[in-house]
Amino acid sequence: MEKKILKIQASAFNALAHPLRLKILEKLRAGPCCVCEIIPYVGGEQSNVSHHLAILRGAGIVQGEKRGVEVWYEIVDPRIYKIIDTMDECIIGNLNRTRGLLQTITESRKSKS
């Protein structure tokens, strides 16, 4: 794969790699909204939320539009949620495998007692 493409991919994954940014995307899943709605949803300070929105903008994941004194944000491409949902499925699968392994170990120890 070309280095430029890898850098773009890494930038997008890096933009997703923060809990506050994921929370922002969770809010935007329902549709465009103004920063004044995002701030209380994520529970952050205005300057911090703006910083994280700038990272998501820089990665091409969200776009902002000034409407009067407000800035409204929306997802550029909703397929980003497929990536997030797939990661959730992977995490759930890993947790289920771990739970199964722990259950096997526990049952094995009980039968030895």
Protein backbone atom coordinates (compact mmCIF):
# COMPACT_ATOMS: atom_id res chain seq x y z
CA MET A 1 0.00 0.00 0.00
CA GLU A 2 1.20 3.47 -0.80
CA LYS A 3 2.66 5.53 2.07
CA LYS A 4 0.23 8.41 1.46
CA ILE A 5 -2.78 6.10 1.77
CA LEU A 6 -1.36 4.57 4.94
CA LYS A 7 -0.91 8.04 6.44
CA ILE A 8 -4.50 8.96 5.61
CA GLN A 9 -5.76 5.72 7.15
CA ALA A 10 -3.64 6.21 10.25
CA SER A 11 -4.94 9.76 10.62
CA ALA A 12 -8.56 8.56 10.43
CA PHE A 13 -7.96 5.76 12.96
CA ASN A 14 -6.10 8.18 15.21
CA ALA A 15 -9.08 10.54 15.08
CA LEU A 16 -11.30 7.70 16.31
CA ALA A 17 -8.87 6.75 19.06
CA HIS A 18 -10.23 8.93 21.84
CA PRO A 19 -13.28 8.37 24.09
CA LEU A 20 -14.51 11.96 23.79
CA ARG A 21 -14.34 11.88 20.00
CA LEU A 22 -16.28 8.60 19.95
CA LYS A 23 -18.87 10.20 22.23
CA ILE A 24 -19.14 13.16 19.81
CA LEU A 25 -19.71 10.73 16.94
CA GLU A 26 -22.33 8.93 19.03
CA LYS A 27 -24.20 12.24 19.39
CA LEU A 28 -23.90 12.97 15.67
CA ARG A 29 -25.28 9.54 14.76
CA ALA A 30 -28.78 10.98 15.27
CA GLY A 31 -28.04 13.76 12.78
CA PRO A 32 -26.44 17.20 12.57
CA CYS A 33 -26.37 19.27 15.72
CA CYS A 34 -24.89 22.41 17.09
CA VAL A 35 -21.85 22.53 19.36
CA CYS A 36 -24.15 23.83 22.10
CA GLU A 37 -25.86 20.38 22.07
CA ILE A 38 -22.63 18.38 21.82
CA ILE A 39 -20.95 20.00 24.86
CA PRO A 40 -23.54 18.91 27.48
CA TYR A 41 -23.88 15.49 25.82
CA VAL A 42 -20.18 14.69 26.13
CA GLY A 43 -19.74 16.55 29.40
CA GLY A 44 -16.69 18.51 28.30
CA GLU A 45 -15.53 22.08 28.26
CA GLN A 46 -16.23 24.13 25.13
CA SER A 47 -12.54 24.56 24.28
CA ASN A 48 -11.84 20.82 24.72
CA VAL A 49 -14.84 19.78 22.62
CA SER A 50 -13.83 22.27 19.91
CA HIS A 51 -10.31 20.80 19.92
CA HIS A 52 -11.65 17.29 19.39
CA LEU A 53 -14.07 18.45 16.71
CA ALA A 54 -11.10 20.04 14.91
CA ILE A 55 -9.30 16.68 14.94
CA LEU A 56 -12.39 14.94 13.53
CA ARG A 57 -12.67 17.70 10.89
CA GLY A 58 -9.01 17.37 10.01
CA ALA A 59 -9.46 13.66 9.43
CA GLY A 60 -12.44 14.33 7.16
CA ILE A 61 -14.89 12.56 9.48
CA VAL A 62 -17.08 15.56 10.35
CA GLN A 63 -17.78 18.90 8.76
CA GLY A 64 -18.99 22.09 10.34
CA GLU A 65 -21.29 24.76 9.00
CA LYS A 66 -21.76 28.18 10.55
CA ARG A 67 -25.45 29.04 11.01
CA GLY A 68 -25.68 32.50 12.47
CA VAL A 69 -23.68 32.44 15.70
CA GLU A 70 -23.82 28.61 15.95
CA VAL A 71 -21.65 25.99 14.31
CA TRP A 72 -23.48 22.84 13.33
CA TYR A 73 -21.61 19.59 12.78
CA GLU A 74 -22.46 16.51 10.82
CA ILE A 75 -20.82 13.30 9.69
CA VAL A 76 -19.23 13.49 6.24
CA ASP A 77 -19.80 9.81 5.45
CA PRO A 78 -22.10 7.67 7.61
CA ARG A 79 -20.09 4.57 6.71
CA ILE A 80 -17.79 5.62 9.59
CA TYR A 81 -20.40 4.00 11.84
CA LYS A 82 -19.81 0.66 10.12
CA ILE A 83 -16.22 0.86 11.33
CA ILE A 84 -17.28 1.74 14.87
CA ASP A 85 -19.99 -0.95 14.90
CA THR A 86 -17.57 -3.55 13.55
CA MET A 87 -15.11 -2.70 16.32
CA ASP A 88 -17.90 -3.08 18.87
CA GLU A 89 -18.70 -6.52 17.43
CA CYS A 90 -15.02 -7.51 17.66
CA ILE A 91 -14.85 -6.37 21.28
CA ILE A 92 -18.02 -8.28 22.17
CA GLY A 93 -16.68 -11.39 20.41
CA ASN A 94 -13.38 -11.15 22.31
CA LEU A 95 -15.20 -10.70 25.62
CA ASN A 96 -17.41 -13.71 24.88
CA ARG A 97 -14.35 -15.84 24.07
CA THR A 98 -12.66 -14.69 27.26
CA ARG A 99 -15.81 -15.43 29.26
CA GLY A 100 -15.93 -18.92 27.74
CA LEU A 101 -12.28 -19.51 28.60
CA LEU A 102 -12.79 -18.32 32.18
CA GLN A 103 -15.84 -20.54 32.50
CA THR A 104 -13.83 -23.52 31.26
CA ILE A 105 -11.02 -22.78 33.72
CA THR A 106 -13.49 -22.36 36.60
CA GLU A 107 -15.28 -25.61 35.77
CA SER A 108 -11.96 -27.42 35.47
CA ARG A 109 -10.84 -26.21 38.89
CA LYS A 110 -14.16 -27.14 40.47
CA SER A 111 -13.96 -30.68 39.11
CA LYS A 112 -10.43 -31.08 40.56
CA SER A 113 -11.59 -30.11 44.05
